[in-house]
């Protein structure tokens, strides 16, 4: 079986890292260069579910199209989702290698695999690589259909032949237009519209098409667009890449076993189809002019004043809820749990290593005992005088001397393993103590959090009961309007009119609005023209 270094050299020959974009992060993320590789898994995304699949499969190498860390990071802690992937792979001796934009432009590359999945005949690259004298490398592919199809038929072909996703394939253009020549690009492709237009194709199939670039591309020409799921347009490459590595393995007699992940890692999981869109929306109904108050709603001034009491209690309830949510113990527990997870992973790794060294020690001691017993039998034969032939005596004495040296070497191995095991046992003891200490701190912080939350909950119950009593004296229609406005206006549904200003939005009322409020009956429910909250008039309103 080849070493990881040998396989990586083959991968770099297929997808040279120097051909990746400058912003990209390709190459080996983790792995021991000298480790033996027997089983390889290909996937599009290096997510936890794929890492777990690699573990279950017994893979030694995971090759993905998308990078795990496209941008720099300051941590690979197991408490982060990407750090957890790294920990899973390293813990199970699985290397991770990424071929991204260097695979996009390769020959064959990602778009070749996409064209193959759609059964298209490739004419050449959409954006040729200027460094390729043969003109075969580059982004995207220009293709031709064996027989002309309508856009509808071509979209149905793509939907049927690409891996199924919630998105499927959506198209822009006349469904009955004829499609003969198409451009395809695996992954995000709306940066290639200029090259697509220059290629003179009938349609362009890619992924992640945004509104404005697509709209502008449609305005420039009658180019038909087909937008598939990003993952679906790149998954065919994993099968193509696995076949390429199989060929290399057969050529070198490596005996590698390659696998392609069937896990759908497209992030979209559901799709609700809308009716076919009309050419234009129906005319909008006219919107009535807003009034500063609702003429049909009236409530006694005393009821409106009590509404301010309800508002004050609602503010208090919001403050208590925020206080409960932001208790310092929450952040403390979160930090402690993250530390506990990291230490627990280290402890599990140390315990595994201790178990391995214990088995190694037992095996070494058994080897010593076997040599000791054999040497004792030979010595017994020698001492018995049963061996009389000089040649046999010489051979027996030579074997006894060899066994003595072998026994000494094996005893040295036992001592070395025992020393390593003692060191690991010390580390297990230290990590166990630290984990137990963190568990104690978590329990203490949890108890403090629960006690603080219990006190807040008791106050919330008291305030809620007081609110229910006061709210029960307010007319239902006024309370309904208040609750609706409170939900719409960030928790404030009613505000005092104080010194000609709304206490809700802090805006002073215009003269015309003040005149309207002055002329309103005392039981009219007045609304702020600016924020639309209920304005409650008091002796301090300045009217």
Protein backbone atom coordinates (compact mmCIF):
# COMPACT_ATOMS: atom_id res chain seq x y z
CA UNK A 1 0.00 0.00 0.00
CA UNK A 2 1.24 3.52 -0.75
CA UNK A 3 2.16 6.13 1.84
CA UNK A 4 0.08 9.29 2.05
CA UNK A 5 2.98 11.21 0.47
CA UNK A 6 2.81 9.02 -2.64
CA UNK A 7 -0.94 9.55 -3.02
CA UNK A 8 -0.63 13.30 -2.48
CA UNK A 9 2.03 13.50 -5.18
CA UNK A 10 -0.41 11.81 -7.57
CA UNK A 11 -3.19 14.21 -6.58
CA UNK A 12 -0.94 17.23 -7.11
CA UNK A 13 -0.18 15.91 -10.60
CA UNK A 14 -3.90 15.70 -11.35
CA UNK A 15 -4.73 19.08 -9.81
CA UNK A 16 -1.54 21.15 -9.40
CA UNK A 17 -1.97 23.47 -6.40
CA UNK A 18 -0.23 26.33 -8.23
CA UNK A 19 -3.19 26.48 -10.63
CA UNK A 20 -5.60 27.37 -7.83
CA UNK A 21 -6.84 30.93 -7.46
CA UNK A 22 -4.79 33.11 -5.11
CA UNK A 23 -7.69 33.43 -2.65
CA UNK A 24 -8.24 29.67 -2.53
CA UNK A 25 -7.10 27.22 0.18
CA UNK A 26 -6.21 23.92 -1.48
CA UNK A 27 -3.92 21.07 -0.52
CA UNK A 28 -3.53 18.90 2.57
CA UNK A 29 -5.22 20.08 5.76
CA UNK A 30 -4.11 17.24 8.05
CA UNK A 31 -2.47 13.84 7.83
CA UNK A 32 0.81 11.99 8.51
CA UNK A 33 2.86 11.94 5.26
CA UNK A 34 4.29 8.50 6.13
CA UNK A 35 0.94 6.90 7.02
CA UNK A 36 -0.27 4.02 4.86
CA UNK A 37 -3.32 4.67 2.68
CA UNK A 38 -5.67 1.82 1.77
CA UNK A 39 -9.10 3.44 1.46
CA UNK A 40 -10.04 6.89 0.07
CA UNK A 41 -13.38 8.75 0.28
CA UNK A 42 -14.35 11.55 -2.15
CA UNK A 43 -16.97 14.18 -1.24
CA UNK A 44 -17.94 17.75 -2.12
CA UNK A 45 -18.07 19.24 1.40
CA UNK A 46 -15.88 18.55 4.46
CA UNK A 47 -18.77 18.57 6.94
CA UNK A 48 -19.18 16.51 10.11
CA UNK A 49 -21.55 14.00 8.52
CA UNK A 50 -18.97 13.26 5.82
CA UNK A 51 -16.18 13.00 8.42
CA UNK A 52 -18.28 10.47 10.35
CA UNK A 53 -18.86 8.56 7.11
CA UNK A 54 -15.09 8.42 6.55
CA UNK A 55 -14.66 7.01 10.07
CA UNK A 56 -17.37 4.37 9.55
CA UNK A 57 -15.83 3.44 6.21
CA UNK A 58 -12.35 3.04 7.71
CA UNK A 59 -10.93 5.58 5.26
CA UNK A 60 -7.36 6.81 5.58
CA UNK A 61 -7.84 9.82 3.29
CA UNK A 62 -10.79 12.16 2.67
CA UNK A 63 -10.63 14.26 -0.52
CA UNK A 64 -13.14 17.11 -0.82
CA UNK A 65 -13.79 19.77 -3.43
CA UNK A 66 -14.64 22.56 -1.01
CA UNK A 67 -12.03 23.80 1.48
CA UNK A 68 -12.60 23.35 5.21
CA UNK A 69 -10.88 26.64 6.02
CA UNK A 70 -11.21 29.05 3.09
CA UNK A 71 -10.31 31.94 5.38
CA UNK A 72 -7.87 32.09 8.28
CA UNK A 73 -8.94 30.89 11.71
CA UNK A 74 -7.73 31.38 15.26
CA UNK A 75 -8.99 28.08 16.66
CA UNK A 76 -9.58 24.43 15.81
CA UNK A 77 -11.31 23.76 19.12
CA UNK A 78 -13.74 20.83 19.05
CA UNK A 79 -16.43 23.20 20.33
CA UNK A 80 -16.52 24.78 16.83
CA UNK A 81 -18.14 22.85 13.99
CA UNK A 82 -15.04 23.01 11.78
CA UNK A 83 -12.75 22.21 14.70
CA UNK A 84 -14.90 19.17 15.46
CA UNK A 85 -14.31 17.92 11.90
CA UNK A 86 -10.53 18.30 12.35
CA UNK A 87 -10.63 16.51 15.72
CA UNK A 88 -12.68 13.65 14.25
CA UNK A 89 -10.28 13.17 11.34
CA UNK A 90 -7.08 13.39 13.40
CA UNK A 91 -8.46 11.13 16.16
CA UNK A 92 -9.09 8.41 13.56
CA UNK A 93 -5.89 8.98 11.53
CA UNK A 94 -7.75 10.28 8.49
CA UNK A 95 -5.97 12.77 6.23
CA UNK A 96 -7.89 15.59 4.53
CA UNK A 97 -6.95 16.96 1.10
CA UNK A 98 -8.73 19.70 -0.88
CA UNK A 99 -8.85 20.21 -4.66
CA UNK A 100 -10.96 23.29 -5.39
CA UNK A 101 -10.30 25.88 -8.12
CA UNK A 102 -7.31 23.83 -9.31
CA UNK A 103 -9.83 21.05 -10.05
CA UNK A 104 -12.27 23.55 -11.64
CA UNK A 105 -9.80 24.39 -14.42
CA UNK A 106 -8.19 20.94 -14.78
CA UNK A 107 -8.39 18.67 -17.80
CA UNK A 108 -10.58 16.84 -17.03
CA UNK A 109 -12.10 19.08 -14.38
CA UNK A 110 -15.32 19.84 -12.58
CA UNK A 111 -17.14 21.15 -15.67
CA UNK A 112 -16.06 18.10 -17.72
CA UNK A 113 -17.75 15.90 -15.13
CA UNK A 114 -20.86 18.11 -15.23
CA UNK A 115 -21.01 17.91 -19.03
CA UNK A 116 -20.56 14.15 -18.84
CA UNK A 117 -23.42 13.81 -16.36
CA UNK A 118 -25.65 15.74 -18.79
CA UNK A 119 -24.44 13.62 -21.76
CA UNK A 120 -23.13 16.67 -23.63
CA UNK A 121 -20.39 16.73 -26.28
CA UNK A 122 -17.57 19.05 -25.14
CA UNK A 123 -16.23 21.53 -27.68
CA UNK A 124 -13.71 23.32 -25.46
CA UNK A 125 -13.24 25.47 -22.34
CA UNK A 126 -15.48 28.50 -21.80
CA UNK A 127 -12.59 30.56 -20.37
CA UNK A 128 -9.37 28.95 -21.66
CA UNK A 129 -6.27 28.83 -19.46
CA UNK A 130 -3.70 31.03 -21.23
CA UNK A 131 -0.86 28.83 -19.91
CA UNK A 132 -2.22 25.70 -21.61
CA UNK A 133 -0.77 25.41 -25.14
CA UNK A 134 -3.28 22.68 -26.03
CA UNK A 135 -6.23 24.89 -25.03
CA UNK A 136 -7.98 22.14 -23.02
CA UNK A 137 -7.81 23.60 -19.49
CA UNK A 138 -9.89 26.48 -18.18
CA UNK A 139 -13.14 27.44 -16.47
CA UNK A 140 -16.43 26.03 -17.72
CA UNK A 141 -17.05 24.09 -20.92
CA UNK A 142 -18.77 24.91 -24.21
CA UNK A 143 -20.85 21.92 -25.28
CA UNK A 144 -23.24 20.74 -27.95
CA UNK A 145 -26.31 18.52 -27.76
CA UNK A 146 -26.53 15.50 -30.05
CA UNK A 147 -30.03 16.62 -31.04
CA UNK A 148 -31.73 20.01 -30.56
CA UNK A 149 -34.10 20.25 -27.58
CA UNK A 150 -36.45 22.85 -26.21
CA UNK A 151 -35.35 24.73 -23.11
CA UNK A 152 -38.06 22.85 -21.19
CA UNK A 153 -36.69 19.48 -22.35
CA UNK A 154 -33.10 20.45 -21.57
CA UNK A 155 -34.10 21.63 -18.07
CA UNK A 156 -35.91 18.33 -17.51
CA UNK A 157 -32.82 16.45 -18.75
CA UNK A 158 -30.64 18.34 -16.22
CA UNK A 159 -33.07 17.76 -13.38
CA UNK A 160 -33.21 14.03 -14.14
CA UNK A 161 -29.46 13.46 -14.56
CA UNK A 162 -28.02 15.61 -11.79
CA UNK A 163 -28.27 14.45 -8.15
CA UNK A 164 -31.70 15.26 -6.71
CA UNK A 165 -31.88 18.34 -4.47
CA UNK A 166 -34.66 20.44 -2.97
CA UNK A 167 -33.94 23.20 -5.50
CA UNK A 168 -33.97 21.07 -8.62
CA UNK A 169 -33.30 23.12 -11.77
CA UNK A 170 -34.93 26.47 -12.55
CA UNK A 171 -34.81 28.10 -15.97
CA UNK A 172 -35.11 31.62 -17.40
CA UNK A 173 -36.24 32.06 -20.99
CA UNK A 174 -38.90 30.88 -23.40
CA UNK A 175 -39.56 27.22 -22.44
CA UNK A 176 -40.16 26.37 -26.12
CA UNK A 177 -37.01 27.97 -27.53
CA UNK A 178 -34.52 25.64 -29.22
CA UNK A 179 -31.28 24.73 -27.47
CA UNK A 180 -28.36 23.31 -29.49
CA UNK A 181 -25.22 24.78 -28.00
CA UNK A 182 -24.77 25.31 -24.23
CA UNK A 183 -22.16 26.45 -21.74
CA UNK A 184 -21.83 24.71 -18.38
CA UNK A 185 -19.87 25.62 -15.27
CA UNK A 186 -19.89 23.64 -12.04
CA UNK A 187 -20.42 25.78 -8.94
CA UNK A 188 -21.08 29.55 -8.92
CA UNK A 189 -21.04 30.81 -12.48
CA UNK A 190 -22.61 34.25 -12.79
CA UNK A 191 -19.14 35.86 -12.98
CA UNK A 192 -18.76 34.19 -16.42
CA UNK A 193 -21.63 35.97 -18.22
CA UNK A 194 -19.31 37.99 -20.49
CA UNK A 195 -17.56 34.80 -21.66
CA UNK A 196 -20.92 33.06 -22.10
CA UNK A 197 -22.27 35.85 -24.31
CA UNK A 198 -19.05 35.85 -26.35
CA UNK A 199 -19.37 32.08 -26.87
CA UNK A 200 -22.70 32.55 -28.67
CA UNK A 201 -24.41 29.67 -26.88
CA UNK A 202 -28.16 29.19 -26.58
CA UNK A 203 -28.17 28.40 -22.86
CA UNK A 204 -25.94 28.53 -19.79
CA UNK A 205 -26.25 25.98 -16.95
CA UNK A 206 -24.51 26.72 -13.67
CA UNK A 207 -25.34 27.39 -9.98
CA UNK A 208 -25.92 30.28 -7.56
CA UNK A 209 -27.28 32.70 -10.16
CA UNK A 210 -28.05 36.03 -8.48
CA UNK A 211 -30.91 38.33 -9.42
CA UNK A 212 -29.08 41.37 -10.82
CA UNK A 213 -26.39 39.63 -12.94
CA UNK A 214 -29.02 37.23 -14.30
CA UNK A 215 -31.44 40.05 -15.09
CA UNK A 216 -28.72 42.00 -16.89
CA UNK A 217 -27.63 38.90 -18.84
CA UNK A 218 -31.21 38.36 -20.00
CA UNK A 219 -31.50 42.03 -21.04
CA UNK A 220 -28.31 41.79 -23.13
CA UNK A 221 -29.55 38.85 -25.21
CA UNK A 222 -32.08 36.03 -25.39
CA UNK A 223 -29.63 33.72 -23.60
CA UNK A 224 -31.51 31.05 -21.63
CA UNK A 225 -30.33 30.45 -18.08
CA UNK A 226 -30.51 27.27 -16.00
CA UNK A 227 -29.74 27.46 -12.30
CA UNK A 228 -29.07 24.17 -10.45
CA UNK A 229 -27.96 23.53 -6.87
CA UNK A 230 -24.28 24.30 -6.28
CA UNK A 231 -23.65 20.88 -4.71
CA UNK A 232 -25.43 19.03 -7.53
CA UNK A 233 -23.29 20.65 -10.26
CA UNK A 234 -20.05 19.65 -8.51
CA UNK A 235 -20.90 16.19 -7.19
CA UNK A 236 -20.26 14.44 -10.58
CA UNK A 237 -16.61 15.49 -10.20
CA UNK A 238 -16.23 13.21 -7.17
CA UNK A 239 -17.00 10.15 -9.32
CA UNK A 240 -14.67 11.38 -12.06
CA UNK A 241 -11.89 12.07 -9.53
CA UNK A 242 -12.30 8.65 -7.91
CA UNK A 243 -11.99 7.01 -11.34
CA UNK A 244 -8.79 9.01 -12.03
CA UNK A 245 -7.24 7.85 -8.75
CA UNK A 246 -8.33 4.25 -9.45
CA UNK A 247 -6.45 4.40 -12.74
CA UNK A 248 -3.29 5.66 -11.00
CA UNK A 249 -3.63 2.98 -8.31
CA UNK A 250 -3.93 0.23 -10.93
CA UNK A 251 -0.92 1.59 -12.81
CA UNK A 252 1.25 1.51 -9.67
CA UNK A 253 -0.33 -1.68 -8.25
CA UNK A 254 -1.32 0.20 -5.06
CA UNK A 255 -4.55 -1.66 -4.47
CA UNK A 256 -6.39 1.44 -3.25
CA UNK A 257 -10.13 1.22 -2.60
CA UNK A 258 -11.93 4.44 -3.54
CA UNK A 259 -15.43 5.45 -2.49
CA UNK A 260 -17.72 8.38 -3.35
CA UNK A 261 -19.94 9.87 -0.64
CA UNK A 262 -23.64 9.65 -1.39
CA UNK A 263 -24.54 12.01 1.45
CA UNK A 264 -26.41 15.07 0.14
CA UNK A 265 -24.66 18.06 1.70
CA UNK A 266 -26.62 20.69 -0.22
CA UNK A 267 -27.79 23.09 2.55
CA UNK A 268 -31.32 23.48 1.17
CA UNK A 269 -33.65 20.74 2.39
CA UNK A 270 -37.14 21.80 1.25
CA UNK A 271 -38.80 23.60 -1.66
CA UNK A 272 -42.33 24.98 -1.84
CA UNK A 273 -43.36 25.45 -5.47
CA UNK A 274 -45.35 28.59 -6.28
CA UNK A 275 -47.92 28.85 -9.10
CA UNK A 276 -46.48 29.89 -12.49
CA UNK A 277 -45.67 33.63 -12.28
CA UNK A 278 -47.89 36.09 -14.22
CA UNK A 279 -46.38 38.53 -16.70
CA UNK A 280 -47.33 41.36 -14.32
CA UNK A 281 -48.96 41.71 -10.93
CA UNK A 282 -52.59 42.91 -10.71
CA UNK A 283 -53.17 46.58 -9.97
CA UNK A 284 -52.84 47.45 -6.31
CA UNK A 285 -55.89 48.59 -4.38
CA UNK A 286 -55.78 52.16 -3.15
CA UNK A 287 -54.49 52.68 0.39
CA UNK A 288 -56.53 55.02 2.60
CA UNK A 289 -54.85 58.04 4.11
CA UNK A 290 -53.68 57.39 7.66
CA UNK A 291 -55.46 59.27 10.42
CA UNK A 292 -53.80 60.26 13.71
CA UNK A 293 -56.38 58.16 15.56
CA UNK A 294 -58.99 55.50 14.87
CA UNK A 295 -62.39 57.23 14.78
CA UNK A 296 -64.21 53.99 15.52
CA UNK A 297 -62.29 53.22 18.73
CA UNK A 298 -63.27 54.92 21.96
CA UNK A 299 -62.29 54.29 25.57
CA UNK A 300 -62.78 56.19 28.78
CA UNK A 301 -59.83 58.42 29.76
CA UNK A 302 -59.36 56.34 32.94
CA UNK A 303 -59.03 53.18 30.85
CA UNK A 304 -56.43 54.86 28.65
CA UNK A 305 -54.46 55.92 31.76
CA UNK A 306 -54.55 52.33 33.04
CA UNK A 307 -53.15 51.30 29.65
CA UNK A 308 -49.98 53.18 30.62
CA UNK A 309 -49.82 51.05 33.80
CA UNK A 310 -50.03 47.90 31.67
CA UNK A 311 -47.32 49.28 29.40
CA UNK A 312 -45.05 49.91 32.40
CA UNK A 313 -45.58 46.33 33.59
CA UNK A 314 -44.87 45.00 30.09
CA UNK A 315 -41.62 46.98 30.02
CA UNK A 316 -40.71 45.45 33.37
CA UNK A 317 -41.48 41.96 32.06
CA UNK A 318 -39.27 42.60 29.02
CA UNK A 319 -36.46 43.78 31.29
CA UNK A 320 -36.78 40.69 33.48
CA UNK A 321 -36.79 38.40 30.43
CA UNK A 322 -33.65 40.14 29.12
CA UNK A 323 -32.02 39.88 32.54
CA UNK A 324 -32.79 36.17 32.70
CA UNK A 325 -31.46 35.60 29.19
CA UNK A 326 -28.24 37.54 29.83
CA UNK A 327 -27.32 36.18 33.27
CA UNK A 328 -23.51 36.13 33.44
CA UNK A 329 -23.68 32.48 34.41
CA UNK A 330 -24.91 31.62 30.88
CA UNK A 331 -21.65 32.82 29.30
CA UNK A 332 -19.64 31.24 32.12
CA UNK A 333 -21.34 27.87 31.59
CA UNK A 334 -20.90 28.09 27.82
CA UNK A 335 -17.16 28.73 28.23
CA UNK A 336 -16.84 25.95 30.81
CA UNK A 337 -18.71 23.51 28.58
CA UNK A 338 -16.45 24.34 25.64
CA UNK A 339 -13.38 23.78 27.82
CA UNK A 340 -14.92 20.58 29.17
CA UNK A 341 -15.56 19.27 25.64
CA UNK A 342 -11.99 20.00 24.62
CA UNK A 343 -10.53 18.38 27.75
CA UNK A 344 -12.87 15.40 27.45
CA UNK A 345 -11.65 14.82 23.89
CA UNK A 346 -8.05 14.97 25.11
CA UNK A 347 -8.88 12.58 27.93
CA UNK A 348 -10.54 10.10 25.56
CA UNK A 349 -7.49 10.26 23.31
CA UNK A 350 -5.17 9.71 26.29
CA UNK A 351 -7.29 6.81 27.60
CA UNK A 352 -7.23 5.24 24.14
CA UNK A 353 -3.45 5.62 24.01
CA UNK A 354 -3.14 4.09 27.51
CA UNK A 355 -5.28 1.14 26.42
CA UNK A 356 -3.13 0.70 23.31
CA UNK A 357 0.12 0.81 25.30
CA UNK A 358 -1.31 -1.68 27.81
CA UNK A 359 -1.96 -4.13 24.98
CA UNK A 360 1.48 -3.38 23.57
CA UNK A 361 3.07 -4.09 26.97
CA UNK A 362 1.16 -7.36 27.35
CA UNK A 363 2.29 -8.44 23.87
CA UNK A 364 5.92 -7.52 24.60
CA UNK A 365 5.87 -9.41 27.92
CA UNK A 366 4.39 -12.47 26.16
CA UNK A 367 7.19 -12.30 23.58
CA UNK A 368 9.80 -12.24 26.39
CA UNK A 369 8.16 -15.22 28.12
CA UNK A 370 8.10 -17.25 24.91
CA UNK A 371 11.83 -16.64 24.36
CA UNK A 372 12.58 -17.38 28.03
CA UNK A 373 10.73 -20.73 27.88
CA UNK A 374 12.46 -21.74 24.67
CA UNK A 375 15.87 -20.86 26.10
CA UNK A 376 15.09 -22.87 29.25
CA UNK A 377 14.19 -25.93 27.15
CA UNK A 378 17.41 -25.63 25.16
CA UNK A 379 19.47 -25.22 28.32
CA UNK A 380 17.80 -28.28 29.83
CA UNK A 381 18.70 -30.33 26.75
CA UNK A 382 22.27 -29.09 26.94
CA UNK A 383 22.60 -29.87 30.66
CA UNK A 384 21.06 -33.34 30.27
CA UNK A 385 23.93 -34.58 28.07
CA UNK A 386 21.43 -35.99 25.63
CA UNK A 387 23.06 -34.06 22.79
CA UNK A 388 26.38 -35.73 21.98
CA UNK A 389 27.06 -34.65 18.42
CA UNK A 390 29.65 -31.83 18.41
CA UNK A 391 27.80 -30.12 15.54
CA UNK A 392 24.46 -30.37 17.36
CA UNK A 393 26.09 -29.10 20.56
CA UNK A 394 27.53 -26.13 18.69
CA UNK A 395 24.17 -25.35 17.11
CA UNK A 396 22.38 -25.63 20.45
CA UNK A 397 24.88 -23.36 22.20
CA UNK A 398 24.57 -20.83 19.37
CA UNK A 399 20.78 -20.87 19.64
CA UNK A 400 20.95 -20.37 23.44
CA UNK A 401 23.24 -17.36 22.93
CA UNK A 402 20.92 -15.93 20.23
CA UNK A 403 17.90 -16.41 22.46
CA UNK A 404 19.67 -14.63 25.31
CA UNK A 405 20.31 -11.62 23.06
CA UNK A 406 16.76 -11.75 21.76
CA UNK A 407 15.44 -11.87 25.31
CA UNK A 408 17.52 -8.86 26.27
CA UNK A 409 16.24 -6.88 23.29
CA UNK A 410 12.64 -7.79 24.08
CA UNK A 411 13.06 -6.84 27.75
CA UNK A 412 14.32 -3.44 26.59
CA UNK A 413 11.14 -3.13 24.52
CA UNK A 414 9.05 -3.99 27.59
CA UNK A 415 10.84 -1.31 29.63
CA UNK A 416 10.35 1.27 26.89
CA UNK A 417 6.63 0.47 26.60
CA UNK A 418 6.25 0.55 30.41
CA UNK A 419 7.83 4.00 30.53
CA UNK A 420 5.49 5.25 27.81
CA UNK A 421 2.52 3.72 29.56
CA UNK A 422 3.44 5.35 32.88
CA UNK A 423 3.73 8.71 31.11
CA UNK A 424 0.31 8.24 29.48
CA UNK A 425 -1.19 7.11 32.81
CA UNK A 426 0.09 10.31 34.43
CA UNK A 427 -1.49 12.33 31.62
CA UNK A 428 -4.78 10.42 32.04
CA UNK A 429 -4.74 11.13 35.77
CA UNK A 430 -4.01 14.83 35.20
CA UNK A 431 -6.72 15.18 32.55
CA UNK A 432 -9.21 13.24 34.69
CA UNK A 433 -8.58 15.64 37.56
CA UNK A 434 -9.02 18.66 35.29
CA UNK A 435 -12.24 17.25 33.78
CA UNK A 436 -13.65 16.56 37.25
CA UNK A 437 -12.67 20.07 38.35
CA UNK A 438 -14.47 21.56 35.33
CA UNK A 439 -17.52 19.40 36.03
CA UNK A 440 -17.57 20.78 39.56
CA UNK A 441 -17.32 24.34 38.25
CA UNK A 442 -20.10 23.66 35.72
CA UNK A 443 -22.30 22.28 38.49
CA UNK A 444 -21.60 25.34 40.68
CA UNK A 445 -22.27 27.81 37.84
CA UNK A 446 -25.44 25.90 36.91
CA UNK A 447 -26.67 26.06 40.50
CA UNK A 448 -25.98 29.82 40.64
CA UNK A 449 -27.72 30.33 37.30
CA UNK A 450 -30.75 28.32 38.38
CA UNK A 451 -30.98 30.19 41.67
CA UNK A 452 -30.79 33.56 39.92
CA UNK A 453 -33.32 32.43 37.30
CA UNK A 454 -35.65 31.20 40.03
CA UNK A 455 -35.61 34.64 41.68
CA UNK A 456 -36.31 36.32 38.34
CA UNK A 457 -39.08 33.83 37.55
CA UNK A 458 -40.73 34.62 40.89
CA UNK A 459 -40.70 38.33 40.10
CA UNK A 460 -42.00 37.63 36.57
CA UNK A 461 -44.90 35.67 38.08
CA UNK A 462 -45.73 38.56 40.44
CA UNK A 463 -45.60 41.20 37.69
CA UNK A 464 -47.61 38.98 35.32
CA UNK A 465 -50.35 38.55 37.92
CA UNK A 466 -50.46 42.30 38.53
CA UNK A 467 -50.70 42.90 34.77
CA UNK A 468 -53.58 40.43 34.46
CA UNK A 469 -55.50 42.26 37.17
CA UNK A 470 -55.10 45.70 35.54
CA UNK A 471 -55.57 44.41 31.97
CA UNK A 472 -58.83 42.83 33.08
CA UNK A 473 -60.27 46.30 33.71
CA UNK A 474 -59.44 47.64 30.22
CA UNK A 475 -61.88 47.26 27.30
CA UNK A 476 -61.01 44.27 25.10
CA UNK A 477 -60.84 46.23 21.83
CA UNK A 478 -58.41 48.77 23.31
CA UNK A 479 -56.24 46.01 24.80
CA UNK A 480 -56.23 44.13 21.48
CA UNK A 481 -55.04 47.22 19.60
CA UNK A 482 -52.40 47.87 22.26
CA UNK A 483 -51.05 44.28 22.11
CA UNK A 484 -50.88 44.41 18.32
CA UNK A 485 -48.99 47.73 18.35
CA UNK A 486 -46.68 46.54 21.11
CA UNK A 487 -45.67 43.54 18.97
CA UNK A 488 -45.10 45.76 15.93
CA UNK A 489 -43.30 48.60 17.74
CA UNK A 490 -40.59 46.83 19.70
CA UNK A 491 -42.53 46.34 22.91
CA UNK A 492 -44.07 49.81 23.23
CA UNK A 493 -47.73 49.98 22.19
CA UNK A 494 -48.90 52.99 24.22
CA UNK A 495 -47.04 56.15 25.15
CA UNK A 496 -47.77 59.26 27.17
CA UNK A 497 -48.27 62.56 25.34
CA UNK A 498 -45.93 64.76 27.40
CA UNK A 499 -45.25 68.43 26.71
CA UNK A 500 -46.57 68.05 23.14
CA UNK A 501 -44.20 65.12 22.40
CA UNK A 502 -44.79 61.40 22.06
CA UNK A 503 -42.92 59.48 24.75
CA UNK A 504 -42.75 56.50 22.38
CA UNK A 505 -40.79 57.99 19.47
CA UNK A 506 -39.68 61.22 21.25
CA UNK A 507 -41.01 63.31 18.37
CA UNK A 508 -42.83 66.60 18.97
CA UNK A 509 -46.26 66.75 17.36
CA UNK A 510 -46.76 69.18 14.50
CA UNK A 511 -49.17 72.10 15.02
CA UNK A 512 -51.83 70.59 12.76
CA UNK A 513 -51.60 67.28 14.62
CA UNK A 514 -51.81 69.04 18.01
CA UNK A 515 -54.92 70.87 16.86
CA UNK A 516 -56.50 67.57 15.83
CA UNK A 517 -55.67 66.03 19.20
CA UNK A 518 -57.05 69.08 21.05
CA UNK A 519 -60.31 68.84 19.13
CA UNK A 520 -60.69 65.10 19.73
CA UNK A 521 -63.20 63.96 22.33
CA UNK A 522 -61.71 62.83 25.68
CA UNK A 523 -62.72 59.21 25.01
CA UNK A 524 -61.24 59.11 21.48
CA UNK A 525 -58.20 56.82 21.21
CA UNK A 526 -55.49 59.02 19.68
CA UNK A 527 -52.52 57.65 17.66
CA UNK A 528 -49.12 59.26 17.07
CA UNK A 529 -48.85 60.22 13.40
CA UNK A 530 -45.12 59.43 13.42
CA UNK A 531 -44.87 56.03 15.16
CA UNK A 532 -48.56 55.01 15.19
CA UNK A 533 -48.52 54.15 18.90
CA UNK A 534 -51.52 54.95 21.10
CA UNK A 535 -51.08 58.42 22.60
CA UNK A 536 -52.47 58.78 26.12
CA UNK A 537 -53.38 62.34 27.13
CA UNK A 538 -52.58 63.50 30.66
CA UNK A 539 -52.63 66.89 32.46
CA UNK A 540 -48.94 67.19 31.44
CA UNK A 541 -49.60 66.82 27.70
CA UNK A 542 -49.26 70.58 27.11
CA UNK A 543 -52.51 70.92 25.23
